[in-house]
Amino acid sequence: MNGERLNEAVSSGRPVLICCWHGRLLFPVFQWNRHNYYALAGLNKDAEIISKIATKLGWKMLRGSGSRGGSKAYMEMIRVLNDGGKLFITPDGSQGPEYEVKEGAIKSALRTEAIMVPVSGQASRAWKIRNWDTFVIPKPFGRIVHVVGDPVDVQDLAEGDSVRDAITAGMIKAQEEADAWING
């Protein structure tokens, strides 16, 4: 749903951060895998699995997180974004807390003047694995919806507006829309 929002951000020629909560990361990984985009994954063993899958699907992977390899990953993010790249991240990281946007996402968006695009997804049939978040894995033979929320352009925010508040609200709304589409 609303895929034109992502297309408009990408067509702008500006850096784009595609943002999804960690628990819903499989939806964008499978939806936007053939667009020559980058994605960020941590260095833990779960992230290694998703990184291998994403690479086979066509993503260019950056590796690191706030707890391990963060400085190197941040500099790679800045390089990709400054080159006009499109980068998929889970701003609540690989360890949470759930639905809390970490500082690296905010700093990288501000430093590169990126457009942040909230995305989410949901499946009518899914496994939900509870760890530090609720990780959704679509089951076969269900319906899947992908939602693109309203982009957050850091250049358009008024002084004093919080990038964190804007992208958090956008990501929550996208996730609620995906859930409503499936449950409604």
N, C-alpha and C. Protein backbone atom coordinates (compact mmCIF):
# COMPACT_ATOMS: atom_id res chain seq x y z
N MET A 1 0.83 -1.18 0.00
CA MET A 1 0.00 0.00 0.00
C MET A 1 0.88 1.25 0.00
N ASN A 2 0.49 2.22 -0.76
CA ASN A 2 1.16 3.52 -0.81
C ASN A 2 2.61 3.43 -1.27
N GLY A 3 2.91 2.48 -2.13
CA GLY A 3 4.27 2.31 -2.64
C GLY A 3 4.81 3.53 -3.36
N GLU A 4 3.89 4.37 -3.86
CA GLU A 4 4.35 5.58 -4.56
C GLU A 4 5.10 6.51 -3.62
N ARG A 5 4.83 6.42 -2.32
CA ARG A 5 5.55 7.26 -1.35
C ARG A 5 7.04 6.92 -1.35
N LEU A 6 7.37 5.65 -1.37
CA LEU A 6 8.77 5.24 -1.42
C LEU A 6 9.36 5.60 -2.77
N ASN A 7 8.61 5.38 -3.85
CA ASN A 7 9.10 5.71 -5.18
C ASN A 7 9.43 7.19 -5.30
N GLU A 8 8.59 8.07 -4.74
CA GLU A 8 8.85 9.51 -4.79
C GLU A 8 10.12 9.87 -4.02
N ALA A 9 10.30 9.27 -2.85
CA ALA A 9 11.50 9.55 -2.06
C ALA A 9 12.75 9.09 -2.81
N VAL A 10 12.70 7.90 -3.39
CA VAL A 10 13.83 7.36 -4.13
C VAL A 10 14.11 8.22 -5.36
N SER A 11 13.06 8.66 -6.04
CA SER A 11 13.21 9.47 -7.27
C SER A 11 13.76 10.86 -6.99
N SER A 12 13.72 11.30 -5.74
CA SER A 12 14.20 12.64 -5.40
C SER A 12 15.71 12.78 -5.59
N GLY A 13 16.42 11.65 -5.62
CA GLY A 13 17.87 11.68 -5.74
C GLY A 13 18.58 11.93 -4.41
N ARG A 14 17.79 12.12 -3.37
CA ARG A 14 18.34 12.36 -2.03
C ARG A 14 18.59 11.02 -1.33
N PRO A 15 19.37 11.04 -0.26
CA PRO A 15 19.54 9.82 0.54
C PRO A 15 18.19 9.41 1.15
N VAL A 16 17.96 8.11 1.23
CA VAL A 16 16.71 7.59 1.78
C VAL A 16 17.02 6.52 2.82
N LEU A 17 16.44 6.69 4.00
CA LEU A 17 16.49 5.67 5.05
C LEU A 17 15.12 5.01 5.12
N ILE A 18 15.05 3.75 4.76
CA ILE A 18 13.81 2.99 4.84
C ILE A 18 13.78 2.38 6.24
N CYS A 19 12.77 2.74 7.04
CA CYS A 19 12.76 2.40 8.47
C CYS A 19 11.59 1.49 8.81
N CYS A 20 11.90 0.38 9.46
CA CYS A 20 10.89 -0.60 9.87
C CYS A 20 11.26 -1.11 11.25
N TRP A 21 10.28 -1.35 12.09
CA TRP A 21 10.56 -1.95 13.39
C TRP A 21 11.17 -3.33 13.18
N HIS A 22 12.08 -3.71 14.06
CA HIS A 22 12.80 -4.98 13.96
C HIS A 22 11.86 -6.17 13.82
N GLY A 23 10.79 -6.18 14.55
CA GLY A 23 9.86 -7.31 14.52
C GLY A 23 9.17 -7.53 13.19
N ARG A 24 9.21 -6.55 12.31
CA ARG A 24 8.56 -6.66 11.00
C ARG A 24 9.56 -6.64 9.85
N LEU A 25 10.84 -6.84 10.13
CA LEU A 25 11.87 -6.66 9.12
C LEU A 25 11.77 -7.61 7.93
N LEU A 26 11.14 -8.77 8.09
CA LEU A 26 11.05 -9.70 6.96
C LEU A 26 10.20 -9.16 5.82
N PHE A 27 9.24 -8.31 6.13
CA PHE A 27 8.38 -7.79 5.07
C PHE A 27 9.15 -6.94 4.07
N PRO A 28 9.88 -5.89 4.49
CA PRO A 28 10.65 -5.14 3.51
C PRO A 28 11.80 -5.94 2.90
N VAL A 29 12.38 -6.87 3.66
CA VAL A 29 13.48 -7.67 3.11
C VAL A 29 13.02 -8.44 1.87
N PHE A 30 11.81 -8.95 1.88
CA PHE A 30 11.30 -9.69 0.74
C PHE A 30 10.60 -8.81 -0.29
N GLN A 31 10.11 -7.64 0.11
CA GLN A 31 9.37 -6.77 -0.81
C GLN A 31 10.30 -5.92 -1.69
N TRP A 32 11.35 -5.36 -1.12
CA TRP A 32 12.18 -4.40 -1.85
C TRP A 32 13.59 -4.93 -2.08
N ASN A 33 13.70 -6.20 -2.33
CA ASN A 33 15.01 -6.85 -2.44
C ASN A 33 15.67 -6.71 -3.81
N ARG A 34 15.00 -6.27 -4.81
CA ARG A 34 15.59 -6.22 -6.14
C ARG A 34 15.84 -4.79 -6.63
N HIS A 35 16.11 -3.90 -5.69
CA HIS A 35 16.25 -2.50 -6.06
C HIS A 35 17.67 -1.95 -5.85
N ASN A 36 18.63 -2.83 -5.61
CA ASN A 36 20.01 -2.39 -5.42
C ASN A 36 20.17 -1.50 -4.19
N TYR A 37 19.36 -1.77 -3.16
CA TYR A 37 19.43 -1.01 -1.92
C TYR A 37 20.41 -1.69 -0.95
N TYR A 38 20.79 -0.93 0.06
CA TYR A 38 21.60 -1.43 1.15
C TYR A 38 20.71 -1.75 2.34
N ALA A 39 21.20 -2.60 3.22
CA ALA A 39 20.52 -2.91 4.48
C ALA A 39 21.57 -3.06 5.57
N LEU A 40 21.16 -2.74 6.78
CA LEU A 40 22.05 -2.84 7.94
C LEU A 40 21.60 -4.01 8.81
N ALA A 41 22.55 -4.85 9.19
CA ALA A 41 22.28 -5.97 10.10
C ALA A 41 23.37 -6.00 11.15
N GLY A 42 23.01 -6.45 12.33
CA GLY A 42 23.97 -6.56 13.42
C GLY A 42 24.99 -7.65 13.17
N LEU A 43 25.79 -7.92 14.19
CA LEU A 43 26.84 -8.92 14.09
C LEU A 43 26.53 -10.20 14.88
N ASN A 44 25.33 -10.28 15.47
CA ASN A 44 24.98 -11.48 16.24
C ASN A 44 24.57 -12.62 15.29
N LYS A 45 24.38 -13.82 15.84
CA LYS A 45 24.13 -14.98 14.98
C LYS A 45 22.78 -14.91 14.27
N ASP A 46 21.76 -14.33 14.90
CA ASP A 46 20.47 -14.17 14.22
C ASP A 46 20.61 -13.22 13.04
N ALA A 47 21.36 -12.13 13.24
CA ALA A 47 21.58 -11.17 12.16
C ALA A 47 22.40 -11.79 11.04
N GLU A 48 23.28 -12.71 11.37
CA GLU A 48 24.06 -13.41 10.35
C GLU A 48 23.14 -14.20 9.42
N ILE A 49 22.13 -14.83 9.99
CA ILE A 49 21.18 -15.61 9.19
C ILE A 49 20.42 -14.69 8.24
N ILE A 50 19.85 -13.61 8.78
CA ILE A 50 19.08 -12.71 7.93
C ILE A 50 19.98 -12.02 6.91
N SER A 51 21.22 -11.74 7.29
CA SER A 51 22.16 -11.11 6.36
C SER A 51 22.45 -12.02 5.17
N LYS A 52 22.64 -13.29 5.42
CA LYS A 52 22.89 -14.24 4.33
C LYS A 52 21.68 -14.34 3.41
N ILE A 53 20.48 -14.40 4.00
CA ILE A 53 19.25 -14.46 3.20
C ILE A 53 19.11 -13.18 2.37
N ALA A 54 19.29 -12.03 3.02
CA ALA A 54 19.13 -10.76 2.33
C ALA A 54 20.13 -10.61 1.19
N THR A 55 21.35 -11.04 1.41
CA THR A 55 22.37 -10.96 0.36
C THR A 55 21.96 -11.80 -0.84
N LYS A 56 21.47 -13.01 -0.59
CA LYS A 56 21.02 -13.87 -1.69
C LYS A 56 19.84 -13.26 -2.44
N LEU A 57 19.03 -12.48 -1.72
CA LEU A 57 17.87 -11.84 -2.35
C LEU A 57 18.24 -10.58 -3.13
N GLY A 58 19.46 -10.06 -2.92
CA GLY A 58 19.88 -8.90 -3.69
C GLY A 58 20.24 -7.66 -2.90
N TRP A 59 20.12 -7.71 -1.58
CA TRP A 59 20.50 -6.56 -0.75
C TRP A 59 22.02 -6.48 -0.64
N LYS A 60 22.54 -5.27 -0.52
CA LYS A 60 23.95 -5.06 -0.21
C LYS A 60 24.01 -4.78 1.29
N MET A 61 24.72 -5.62 2.01
CA MET A 61 24.67 -5.58 3.47
C MET A 61 25.79 -4.76 4.09
N LEU A 62 25.41 -3.98 5.09
CA LEU A 62 26.33 -3.33 6.02
C LEU A 62 26.16 -4.06 7.33
N ARG A 63 27.23 -4.23 8.09
CA ARG A 63 27.14 -5.01 9.32
C ARG A 63 27.64 -4.20 10.51
N GLY A 64 26.89 -4.29 11.60
CA GLY A 64 27.26 -3.64 12.85
C GLY A 64 26.02 -3.16 13.58
N SER A 65 26.17 -2.87 14.86
CA SER A 65 25.05 -2.40 15.67
C SER A 65 25.60 -1.49 16.77
N GLY A 66 24.70 -0.95 17.55
CA GLY A 66 25.11 -0.08 18.64
C GLY A 66 25.97 -0.79 19.67
N SER A 67 25.80 -2.10 19.80
CA SER A 67 26.55 -2.84 20.81
C SER A 67 27.84 -3.46 20.27
N ARG A 68 27.91 -3.69 18.94
CA ARG A 68 29.12 -4.29 18.34
C ARG A 68 29.32 -3.73 16.94
N GLY A 69 30.49 -3.16 16.70
CA GLY A 69 30.81 -2.66 15.36
C GLY A 69 30.05 -1.42 14.97
N GLY A 70 29.55 -0.69 15.95
CA GLY A 70 28.70 0.46 15.68
C GLY A 70 29.38 1.60 14.96
N SER A 71 30.59 1.94 15.36
CA SER A 71 31.30 3.06 14.73
C SER A 71 31.55 2.80 13.25
N LYS A 72 32.01 1.60 12.95
CA LYS A 72 32.27 1.23 11.55
C LYS A 72 30.97 1.23 10.75
N ALA A 73 29.92 0.65 11.31
CA ALA A 73 28.63 0.60 10.62
C ALA A 73 28.08 2.00 10.39
N TYR A 74 28.21 2.86 11.39
CA TYR A 74 27.73 4.24 11.25
C TYR A 74 28.46 4.96 10.11
N MET A 75 29.76 4.81 10.04
CA MET A 75 30.53 5.47 8.98
C MET A 75 30.15 4.91 7.60
N GLU A 76 29.89 3.61 7.53
CA GLU A 76 29.44 3.02 6.27
C GLU A 76 28.06 3.55 5.89
N MET A 77 27.17 3.70 6.89
CA MET A 77 25.84 4.28 6.62
C MET A 77 25.97 5.68 6.05
N ILE A 78 26.83 6.49 6.65
CA ILE A 78 27.02 7.87 6.19
C ILE A 78 27.57 7.88 4.76
N ARG A 79 28.52 7.00 4.49
CA ARG A 79 29.09 6.93 3.13
C ARG A 79 28.01 6.57 2.12
N VAL A 80 27.22 5.55 2.41
CA VAL A 80 26.16 5.11 1.49
C VAL A 80 25.15 6.24 1.27
N LEU A 81 24.72 6.87 2.36
CA LEU A 81 23.72 7.93 2.25
C LEU A 81 24.28 9.16 1.55
N ASN A 82 25.50 9.53 1.84
CA ASN A 82 26.12 10.68 1.16
C ASN A 82 26.28 10.44 -0.34
N ASP A 83 26.38 9.19 -0.73
CA ASP A 83 26.46 8.84 -2.15
C ASP A 83 25.07 8.75 -2.78
N GLY A 84 24.04 9.17 -2.03
CA GLY A 84 22.67 9.13 -2.55
C GLY A 84 22.03 7.76 -2.45
N GLY A 85 22.61 6.89 -1.62
CA GLY A 85 22.12 5.53 -1.50
C GLY A 85 20.81 5.41 -0.76
N LYS A 86 20.22 4.26 -0.88
CA LYS A 86 18.98 3.91 -0.20
C LYS A 86 19.32 2.80 0.79
N LEU A 87 18.99 3.00 2.04
CA LEU A 87 19.43 2.11 3.11
C LEU A 87 18.24 1.71 3.98
N PHE A 88 18.06 0.41 4.15
CA PHE A 88 17.01 -0.13 5.02
C PHE A 88 17.61 -0.39 6.41
N ILE A 89 16.95 0.12 7.44
CA ILE A 89 17.39 -0.09 8.82
C ILE A 89 16.21 -0.42 9.71
N THR A 90 16.52 -1.05 10.83
CA THR A 90 15.54 -1.24 11.89
C THR A 90 16.00 -0.35 13.04
N PRO A 91 15.41 0.84 13.17
CA PRO A 91 15.92 1.82 14.13
C PRO A 91 15.82 1.40 15.60
N ASP A 92 15.02 0.37 15.91
CA ASP A 92 15.02 -0.10 17.30
C ASP A 92 16.09 -1.16 17.51
N GLY A 93 16.89 -1.37 16.50
CA GLY A 93 18.09 -2.20 16.62
C GLY A 93 17.83 -3.68 16.69
N SER A 94 18.86 -4.39 17.09
CA SER A 94 18.77 -5.85 17.17
C SER A 94 18.56 -6.32 18.61
N GLN A 95 18.50 -5.37 19.54
CA GLN A 95 18.31 -5.77 20.94
C GLN A 95 17.29 -4.90 21.67
N GLY A 96 16.70 -3.95 20.98
CA GLY A 96 15.67 -3.14 21.59
C GLY A 96 16.19 -2.00 22.42
N PRO A 97 15.31 -1.44 23.21
CA PRO A 97 13.94 -1.84 23.46
C PRO A 97 13.04 -1.66 22.23
N GLU A 98 11.99 -2.47 22.20
CA GLU A 98 11.04 -2.47 21.10
C GLU A 98 10.42 -1.08 20.94
N TYR A 99 10.33 -0.64 19.69
CA TYR A 99 9.69 0.63 19.30
C TYR A 99 10.41 1.86 19.84
N GLU A 100 11.69 1.75 20.09
CA GLU A 100 12.48 2.90 20.52
C GLU A 100 13.57 3.17 19.48
N VAL A 101 13.45 4.30 18.80
CA VAL A 101 14.40 4.66 17.75
C VAL A 101 15.73 5.03 18.39
N LYS A 102 16.78 4.37 17.92
CA LYS A 102 18.12 4.58 18.46
C LYS A 102 18.77 5.83 17.85
N GLU A 103 19.78 6.31 18.53
CA GLU A 103 20.46 7.55 18.16
C GLU A 103 21.14 7.49 16.78
N GLY A 104 21.67 6.33 16.40
CA GLY A 104 22.37 6.22 15.12
C GLY A 104 21.48 6.54 13.93
N ALA A 105 20.23 6.13 14.00
CA ALA A 105 19.29 6.43 12.91
C ALA A 105 19.05 7.93 12.81
N ILE A 106 18.88 8.58 13.95
CA ILE A 106 18.62 10.02 13.98
C ILE A 106 19.84 10.79 13.48
N LYS A 107 21.00 10.47 14.01
CA LYS A 107 22.22 11.18 13.63
C LYS A 107 22.53 11.01 12.15
N SER A 108 22.36 9.80 11.62
CA SER A 108 22.67 9.59 10.21
C SER A 108 21.69 10.34 9.31
N ALA A 109 20.42 10.40 9.70
CA ALA A 109 19.44 11.14 8.90
C ALA A 109 19.76 12.63 8.90
N LEU A 110 20.08 13.16 10.06
CA LEU A 110 20.39 14.59 10.17
C LEU A 110 21.69 14.94 9.43
N ARG A 111 22.69 14.11 9.61
CA ARG A 111 24.00 14.40 9.01
C ARG A 111 23.96 14.37 7.48
N THR A 112 23.12 13.52 6.91
CA THR A 112 23.05 13.37 5.45
C THR A 112 21.82 14.04 4.84
N GLU A 113 20.99 14.63 5.69
CA GLU A 113 19.72 15.24 5.26
C GLU A 113 18.87 14.25 4.48
N ALA A 114 18.75 13.05 5.02
CA ALA A 114 18.01 11.97 4.38
C ALA A 114 16.51 12.13 4.54
N ILE A 115 15.81 11.50 3.63
CA ILE A 115 14.37 11.33 3.76
C ILE A 115 14.18 9.98 4.44
N MET A 116 13.43 9.97 5.53
CA MET A 116 13.17 8.73 6.26
C MET A 116 11.78 8.23 5.86
N VAL A 117 11.70 6.98 5.40
CA VAL A 117 10.44 6.42 4.94
C VAL A 117 10.04 5.26 5.84
N PRO A 118 8.95 5.43 6.62
CA PRO A 118 8.50 4.33 7.48
C PRO A 118 7.78 3.26 6.67
N VAL A 119 8.11 2.00 6.93
CA VAL A 119 7.44 0.89 6.25
C VAL A 119 7.09 -0.18 7.28
N SER A 120 6.13 -1.01 6.92
CA SER A 120 5.77 -2.14 7.77
C SER A 120 5.07 -3.18 6.92
N GLY A 121 4.68 -4.25 7.54
CA GLY A 121 3.96 -5.31 6.86
C GLY A 121 3.27 -6.19 7.88
N GLN A 122 2.38 -7.02 7.36
CA GLN A 122 1.68 -7.98 8.22
C GLN A 122 1.19 -9.12 7.34
N ALA A 123 0.95 -10.25 7.95
CA ALA A 123 0.45 -11.44 7.26
C ALA A 123 -0.80 -11.95 7.96
N SER A 124 -1.72 -12.45 7.18
CA SER A 124 -2.96 -12.99 7.77
C SER A 124 -2.69 -14.27 8.55
N ARG A 125 -1.64 -14.96 8.17
CA ARG A 125 -1.20 -16.17 8.88
C ARG A 125 0.27 -15.99 9.20
N ALA A 126 0.61 -16.01 10.47
CA ALA A 126 2.00 -15.76 10.85
C ALA A 126 2.35 -16.41 12.17
N TRP A 127 3.63 -16.73 12.29
CA TRP A 127 4.18 -17.11 13.57
C TRP A 127 4.65 -15.82 14.23
N LYS A 128 4.46 -15.71 15.52
CA LYS A 128 4.94 -14.55 16.26
C LYS A 128 5.86 -15.06 17.36
N ILE A 129 7.12 -14.74 17.21
CA ILE A 129 8.14 -15.20 18.15
C ILE A 129 8.42 -14.07 19.12
N ARG A 130 8.22 -14.33 20.39
CA ARG A 130 8.42 -13.32 21.42
C ARG A 130 9.81 -13.46 22.01
N ASN A 131 10.60 -12.41 21.85
CA ASN A 131 11.92 -12.32 22.45
C ASN A 131 11.96 -10.96 23.12
N TRP A 132 12.83 -10.06 22.73
CA TRP A 132 12.78 -8.69 23.24
C TRP A 132 11.73 -7.89 22.48
N ASP A 133 11.32 -8.42 21.32
CA ASP A 133 10.23 -7.84 20.55
C ASP A 133 9.33 -8.98 20.09
N THR A 134 8.34 -8.66 19.32
CA THR A 134 7.50 -9.69 18.71
C THR A 134 7.89 -9.78 17.25
N PHE A 135 8.59 -10.84 16.88
CA PHE A 135 9.11 -11.02 15.53
C PHE A 135 8.08 -11.80 14.72
N VAL A 136 7.64 -11.22 13.61
CA VAL A 136 6.57 -11.80 12.79
C VAL A 136 7.18 -12.53 11.59
N ILE A 137 6.81 -13.80 11.44
CA ILE A 137 7.24 -14.62 10.31
C ILE A 137 5.99 -15.08 9.57
N PRO A 138 5.79 -14.63 8.33
CA PRO A 138 4.60 -15.06 7.58
C PRO A 138 4.58 -16.57 7.36
N LYS A 139 3.38 -17.15 7.50
CA LYS A 139 3.19 -18.56 7.19
C LYS A 139 2.76 -18.68 5.72
N PRO A 140 2.97 -19.85 5.15
CA PRO A 140 2.52 -20.06 3.76
C PRO A 140 0.99 -19.93 3.64
N PHE A 141 0.56 -19.57 2.46
CA PHE A 141 -0.86 -19.54 2.07
C PHE A 141 -1.67 -18.44 2.74
N GLY A 142 -1.01 -17.44 3.28
CA GLY A 142 -1.73 -16.32 3.87
C GLY A 142 -1.64 -15.10 2.96
N ARG A 143 -2.35 -14.07 3.34
CA ARG A 143 -2.27 -12.79 2.63
C ARG A 143 -1.23 -11.93 3.32
N ILE A 144 -0.50 -11.16 2.53
CA ILE A 144 0.52 -10.27 3.06
C ILE A 144 0.25 -8.86 2.55
N VAL A 145 0.43 -7.91 3.42
CA VAL A 145 0.32 -6.51 3.03
C VAL A 145 1.61 -5.79 3.41
N HIS A 146 2.03 -4.89 2.53
CA HIS A 146 3.19 -4.04 2.77
C HIS A 146 2.68 -2.60 2.79
N VAL A 147 3.06 -1.84 3.80
CA VAL A 147 2.59 -0.46 3.94
C VAL A 147 3.78 0.49 3.96
N VAL A 148 3.66 1.55 3.18
CA VAL A 148 4.65 2.63 3.18
C VAL A 148 3.97 3.85 3.79
N GLY A 149 4.55 4.35 4.87
CA GLY A 149 3.98 5.51 5.55
C GLY A 149 4.44 6.82 4.93
N ASP A 150 3.99 7.91 5.51
CA ASP A 150 4.37 9.24 5.04
C ASP A 150 5.85 9.47 5.32
N PRO A 151 6.61 9.85 4.29
CA PRO A 151 8.04 10.14 4.49
C PRO A 151 8.26 11.29 5.46
N VAL A 152 9.36 11.21 6.18
CA VAL A 152 9.79 12.27 7.09
C VAL A 152 11.05 12.87 6.47
N ASP A 153 10.94 14.10 5.98
CA ASP A 153 12.07 14.80 5.39
C ASP A 153 12.68 15.68 6.47
N VAL A 154 13.88 15.36 6.90
CA VAL A 154 14.50 16.12 7.99
C VAL A 154 14.67 17.59 7.62
N GLN A 155 14.75 17.90 6.32
CA GLN A 155 14.87 19.30 5.90
C GLN A 155 13.58 20.08 6.13
N ASP A 156 12.45 19.36 6.18
CA ASP A 156 11.15 20.03 6.33
C ASP A 156 10.72 20.20 7.78
N LEU A 157 11.45 19.61 8.72
CA LEU A 157 11.06 19.72 10.11
C LEU A 157 11.39 21.11 10.63
N ALA A 158 10.46 21.68 11.36
CA ALA A 158 10.69 23.00 11.95
C ALA A 158 11.71 22.87 13.07
N GLU A 159 12.39 23.97 13.35
CA GLU A 159 13.38 23.95 14.42
C GLU A 159 12.70 23.53 15.71
N GLY A 160 13.31 22.61 16.41
CA GLY A 160 12.74 22.12 17.66
C GLY A 160 11.89 20.86 17.48
N ASP A 161 11.44 20.60 16.23
CA ASP A 161 10.71 19.35 15.99
C ASP A 161 11.69 18.19 16.15
N SER A 162 11.21 17.12 16.68
CA SER A 162 12.05 15.97 16.93
C SER A 162 11.98 14.98 15.77
N VAL A 163 13.13 14.67 15.19
CA VAL A 163 13.20 13.65 14.16
C VAL A 163 12.74 12.32 14.75
N ARG A 164 13.18 12.04 15.96
CA ARG A 164 12.80 10.79 16.63
C ARG A 164 11.28 10.69 16.76
N ASP A 165 10.63 11.75 17.21
CA ASP A 165 9.17 11.72 17.37
C ASP A 165 8.48 11.53 16.03
N ALA A 166 8.97 12.23 15.00
CA ALA A 166 8.33 12.15 13.68
C ALA A 166 8.44 10.76 13.07
N ILE A 167 9.63 10.15 13.10
CA ILE A 167 9.78 8.84 12.48
C ILE A 167 9.12 7.76 13.35
N THR A 168 9.15 7.92 14.66
CA THR A 168 8.46 6.95 15.52
C THR A 168 6.98 6.95 15.23
N ALA A 169 6.38 8.13 15.15
CA ALA A 169 4.94 8.24 14.85
C ALA A 169 4.63 7.63 13.49
N GLY A 170 5.49 7.89 12.50
CA GLY A 170 5.27 7.34 11.17
C GLY A 170 5.37 5.83 11.13
N MET A 171 6.32 5.27 11.87
CA MET A 171 6.49 3.82 11.90
C MET A 171 5.35 3.14 12.65
N ILE A 172 4.91 3.75 13.73
CA ILE A 172 3.76 3.19 14.47
C ILE A 172 2.52 3.21 13.59
N LYS A 173 2.29 4.32 12.90
CA LYS A 173 1.12 4.43 12.03
C LYS A 173 1.18 3.40 10.90
N ALA A 174 2.33 3.22 10.27
CA ALA A 174 2.47 2.23 9.19
C ALA A 174 2.17 0.83 9.71
N GLN A 175 2.67 0.51 10.91
CA GLN A 175 2.42 -0.81 11.47
C GLN A 175 0.94 -0.99 11.81
N GLU A 176 0.31 0.05 12.36
CA GLU A 176 -1.12 -0.03 12.66
C GLU A 176 -1.95 -0.20 11.38
N GLU A 177 -1.56 0.48 10.30
CA GLU A 177 -2.26 0.34 9.02
C GLU A 177 -2.12 -1.08 8.48
N ALA A 178 -0.93 -1.65 8.59
CA ALA A 178 -0.72 -3.02 8.13
C ALA A 178 -1.57 -3.99 8.94
N ASP A 179 -1.59 -3.82 10.26
CA ASP A 179 -2.38 -4.70 11.11
C ASP A 179 -3.88 -4.55 10.81
N ALA A 180 -4.33 -3.31 10.61
CA ALA A 180 -5.75 -3.06 10.33
C ALA A 180 -6.15 -3.67 8.99
N TRP A 181 -5.27 -3.59 8.01
CA TRP A 181 -5.56 -4.13 6.70
C TRP A 181 -5.79 -5.66 6.79
N ILE A 182 -4.97 -6.32 7.55
CA ILE A 182 -5.09 -7.77 7.69
C ILE A 182 -6.25 -8.14 8.62
N ASN A 183 -6.39 -7.43 9.72
CA ASN A 183 -7.41 -7.77 10.72
C ASN A 183 -8.77 -7.19 10.42
N GLY A 184 -8.82 -6.20 9.52
CA GLY A 184 -10.08 -5.51 9.25
C GLY A 184 -10.82 -6.13 8.17
